[in-house]
């Protein structure tokens, strides 16, 4: 698995995941907040399977010095 998420993308995913998970404990207290585990996990890992299927890559290209 090669990283396909950039820094900003990962930060947004982690923030969104934490907010959604917090809905389980505060707010409407609905179990739907556990869906926040998905963006949280992909943000931490840096790889999104859907991005891979669609050919999307927000990770900046690494320059190779020869």
C-alpha atoms as a PDB file:
ATOM      1  CA  UNK A   1       0.000   0.000   0.000  1.00  0.00           C
ATOM      2  CA  UNK A   2       1.488   3.255  -1.144  1.00  0.00           C
ATOM      3  CA  UNK A   3       0.365   6.490   0.547  1.00  0.00           C
ATOM      4  CA  UNK A   4      -2.166   8.318  -1.615  1.00  0.00           C
ATOM      5  CA  UNK A   5      -3.307  11.066   0.774  1.00  0.00           C
ATOM      6  CA  UNK A   6      -1.640  14.424   1.245  1.00  0.00           C
ATOM      7  CA  UNK A   7      -1.081  16.156   4.580  1.00  0.00           C
ATOM      8  CA  UNK A   8      -4.159  18.395   4.385  1.00  0.00           C
ATOM      9  CA  UNK A   9      -6.350  15.502   3.259  1.00  0.00           C
ATOM     10  CA  UNK A  10      -5.131  13.360   6.157  1.00  0.00           C
ATOM     11  CA  UNK A  11      -5.705  16.161   8.669  1.00  0.00           C
ATOM     12  CA  UNK A  12      -9.264  16.704   7.478  1.00  0.00           C
ATOM     13  CA  UNK A  13      -9.997  12.976   7.650  1.00  0.00           C
ATOM     14  CA  UNK A  14      -8.641  12.680  11.193  1.00  0.00           C
ATOM     15  CA  UNK A  15     -10.605  15.732  12.356  1.00  0.00           C
ATOM     16  CA  UNK A  16     -13.800  14.478  10.696  1.00  0.00           C
ATOM     17  CA  UNK A  17     -13.342  11.029  12.220  1.00  0.00           C
ATOM     18  CA  UNK A  18     -12.902  12.425  15.736  1.00  0.00           C
ATOM     19  CA  UNK A  19     -15.951  14.677  15.345  1.00  0.00           C
ATOM     20  CA  UNK A  20     -18.133  11.809  14.115  1.00  0.00           C
ATOM     21  CA  UNK A  21     -16.978   9.471  16.884  1.00  0.00           C
ATOM     22  CA  UNK A  22     -17.673  12.181  19.465  1.00  0.00           C
ATOM     23  CA  UNK A  23     -21.325  12.153  18.328  1.00  0.00           C
ATOM     24  CA  UNK A  24     -21.638   8.731  19.960  1.00  0.00           C
ATOM     25  CA  UNK A  25     -20.922  10.249  23.368  1.00  0.00           C
ATOM     26  CA  UNK A  26     -22.174  13.837  23.063  1.00  0.00           C
ATOM     27  CA  UNK A  27     -24.787  15.402  20.856  1.00  0.00           C
ATOM     28  CA  UNK A  28     -27.492  13.112  19.450  1.00  0.00           C
ATOM     29  CA  UNK A  29     -25.783   9.987  20.917  1.00  0.00           C
ATOM     30  CA  UNK A  30     -26.443   7.923  17.843  1.00  0.00           C
ATOM     31  CA  UNK A  31     -24.457   4.803  16.903  1.00  0.00           C
ATOM     32  CA  UNK A  32     -24.025   6.223  13.379  1.00  0.00           C
ATOM     33  CA  UNK A  33     -21.086   8.179  14.790  1.00  0.00           C
ATOM     34  CA  UNK A  34     -18.995   5.000  14.685  1.00  0.00           C
ATOM     35  CA  UNK A  35     -18.778   5.496  10.927  1.00  0.00           C
ATOM     36  CA  UNK A  36     -16.116   8.044  11.886  1.00  0.00           C
ATOM     37  CA  UNK A  37     -13.698   5.157  12.371  1.00  0.00           C
ATOM     38  CA  UNK A  38     -13.289   4.902   8.604  1.00  0.00           C
ATOM     39  CA  UNK A  39     -11.988   8.444   7.941  1.00  0.00           C
ATOM     40  CA  UNK A  40      -9.965   8.299  11.160  1.00  0.00           C
ATOM     41  CA  UNK A  41      -8.252   5.055  10.134  1.00  0.00           C
ATOM     42  CA  UNK A  42      -7.567   6.176   6.562  1.00  0.00           C
ATOM     43  CA  UNK A  43      -6.214   9.482   7.849  1.00  0.00           C
ATOM     44  CA  UNK A  44      -3.832   7.769  10.239  1.00  0.00           C
ATOM     45  CA  UNK A  45      -2.690   5.166   7.713  1.00  0.00           C
ATOM     46  CA  UNK A  46      -2.450   7.602   4.784  1.00  0.00           C
ATOM     47  CA  UNK A  47      -4.033   5.205   2.300  1.00  0.00           C
ATOM     48  CA  UNK A  48      -7.591   5.286   0.958  1.00  0.00           C
ATOM     49  CA  UNK A  49      -8.842   2.264  -0.962  1.00  0.00           C
ATOM     50  CA  UNK A  50     -11.461   4.300  -2.806  1.00  0.00           C
ATOM     51  CA  UNK A  51      -8.777   6.739  -3.961  1.00  0.00           C
ATOM     52  CA  UNK A  52      -6.771   3.780  -5.274  1.00  0.00           C
ATOM     53  CA  UNK A  53      -9.761   2.453  -7.237  1.00  0.00           C
ATOM     54  CA  UNK A  54     -10.505   5.876  -8.723  1.00  0.00           C
ATOM     55  CA  UNK A  55      -6.855   6.710  -9.423  1.00  0.00           C
ATOM     56  CA  UNK A  56      -6.839   9.752  -7.137  1.00  0.00           C
ATOM     57  CA  UNK A  57      -3.636  10.773  -5.376  1.00  0.00           C
ATOM     58  CA  UNK A  58      -3.437  13.896  -3.183  1.00  0.00           C
ATOM     59  CA  UNK A  59       0.013  12.985  -1.872  1.00  0.00           C
ATOM     60  CA  UNK A  60       2.660  15.299  -3.327  1.00  0.00           C
ATOM     61  CA  UNK A  61       5.153  13.707  -5.691  1.00  0.00           C
ATOM     62  CA  UNK A  62       8.494  12.915  -4.087  1.00  0.00           C
ATOM     63  CA  UNK A  63      11.450  14.207  -6.040  1.00  0.00           C
ATOM     64  CA  UNK A  64      14.239  11.744  -6.713  1.00  0.00           C
ATOM     65  CA  UNK A  65      17.740  13.186  -6.838  1.00  0.00           C
ATOM     66  CA  UNK A  66      20.096  11.195  -9.033  1.00  0.00           C
END
